[in-house]
Protein backbone atom coordinates (compact mmCIF):
# COMPACT_ATOMS: atom_id res chain seq x y z
CA MET A 1 11.02 -37.19 17.71
CA VAL A 2 9.93 -38.17 21.36
CA LEU A 3 6.03 -37.30 22.18
CA GLN A 4 4.97 -36.94 25.76
CA TYR A 5 1.98 -36.51 27.60
CA LYS A 6 0.93 -35.35 31.01
CA LEU A 7 -2.72 -34.86 32.44
CA LYS A 8 -3.82 -30.98 32.54
CA SER A 9 -3.63 -30.92 35.89
CA SER A 10 -0.29 -32.30 36.68
CA ASN A 11 3.32 -30.55 36.39
CA ARG A 12 5.35 -33.70 35.10
CA TRP A 13 5.99 -34.88 31.78
CA LYS A 14 5.95 -38.34 30.32
CA LYS A 15 6.86 -40.09 27.21
CA TYR A 16 3.61 -41.03 25.65
CA PRO A 17 3.15 -44.95 25.73
CA GLY A 18 0.30 -45.46 23.10
CA LYS A 19 -3.23 -44.65 23.19
CA ALA A 20 -4.55 -47.85 24.50
CA LYS A 21 -2.22 -48.04 27.18
CA LEU A 22 -3.42 -44.45 28.84
CA GLU A 23 -5.54 -44.59 31.52
CA LYS A 24 -8.14 -41.82 30.63
CA SER A 25 -9.35 -40.39 27.82
CA VAL A 26 -6.67 -38.29 25.45
CA SER A 27 -8.90 -35.57 26.10
CA LYS A 28 -8.02 -35.13 29.85
CA TYR A 29 -4.06 -35.13 28.53
CA ASP A 30 -1.60 -32.11 27.44
CA PHE A 31 1.16 -33.87 24.66
CA ARG A 32 3.72 -32.00 23.83
CA LEU A 33 6.58 -33.53 20.84
CA LEU A 34 10.36 -32.76 20.83
CA ASN A 35 13.41 -33.58 19.09
CA GLU A 36 15.33 -37.05 19.85
CA SER A 37 17.62 -34.96 22.08
CA LYS A 38 14.76 -33.60 23.77
CA THR A 39 16.59 -30.06 23.62
CA LYS A 40 13.95 -28.54 21.39
CA VAL A 41 10.26 -28.09 21.51
CA LEU A 42 9.10 -28.96 18.40
CA VAL A 43 5.36 -28.63 19.29
CA ASP A 44 4.06 -27.04 21.79
CA LYS A 45 1.19 -28.40 24.73
CA GLY A 46 -1.70 -28.94 22.79
CA PRO A 47 -3.84 -31.39 22.30
CA TYR A 48 -3.46 -35.23 20.65
CA GLU A 49 -5.01 -34.12 17.32
CA LYS A 50 -2.96 -30.86 17.13
CA VAL A 51 0.09 -32.22 18.03
CA MET A 52 -0.01 -35.72 16.30
CA LYS A 53 -1.14 -33.49 12.56
CA ARG A 54 2.52 -31.72 13.27
CA PHE A 55 3.92 -34.71 13.62
CA ARG A 56 2.73 -36.35 10.55
CA GLN A 57 3.89 -33.48 8.85
CA ILE A 58 6.70 -33.19 10.01
CA GLU A 59 7.60 -36.95 9.38
CA PHE A 60 5.84 -36.93 5.43
CA PHE A 61 8.79 -33.94 4.72
CA LYS A 62 11.25 -35.90 6.92
CA HIS A 63 10.79 -39.06 4.27
CA ARG A 64 9.34 -37.12 0.75
CA GLY A 65 12.92 -37.29 -0.66
């Protein structure tokens, strides 16, 4: 899965480098989650907490086995 982010005022999505490398607070950004090939949006634009909650759910069920 690929986590992308952008400033709320921006149009261009970028690959998420990690929370520590962001210039501003996570509340100033929108986030989304895509599949590996970037063809399908798994979680549409939303706040960091919402997107990460869904990311953890997907990972949990993927490795539940």
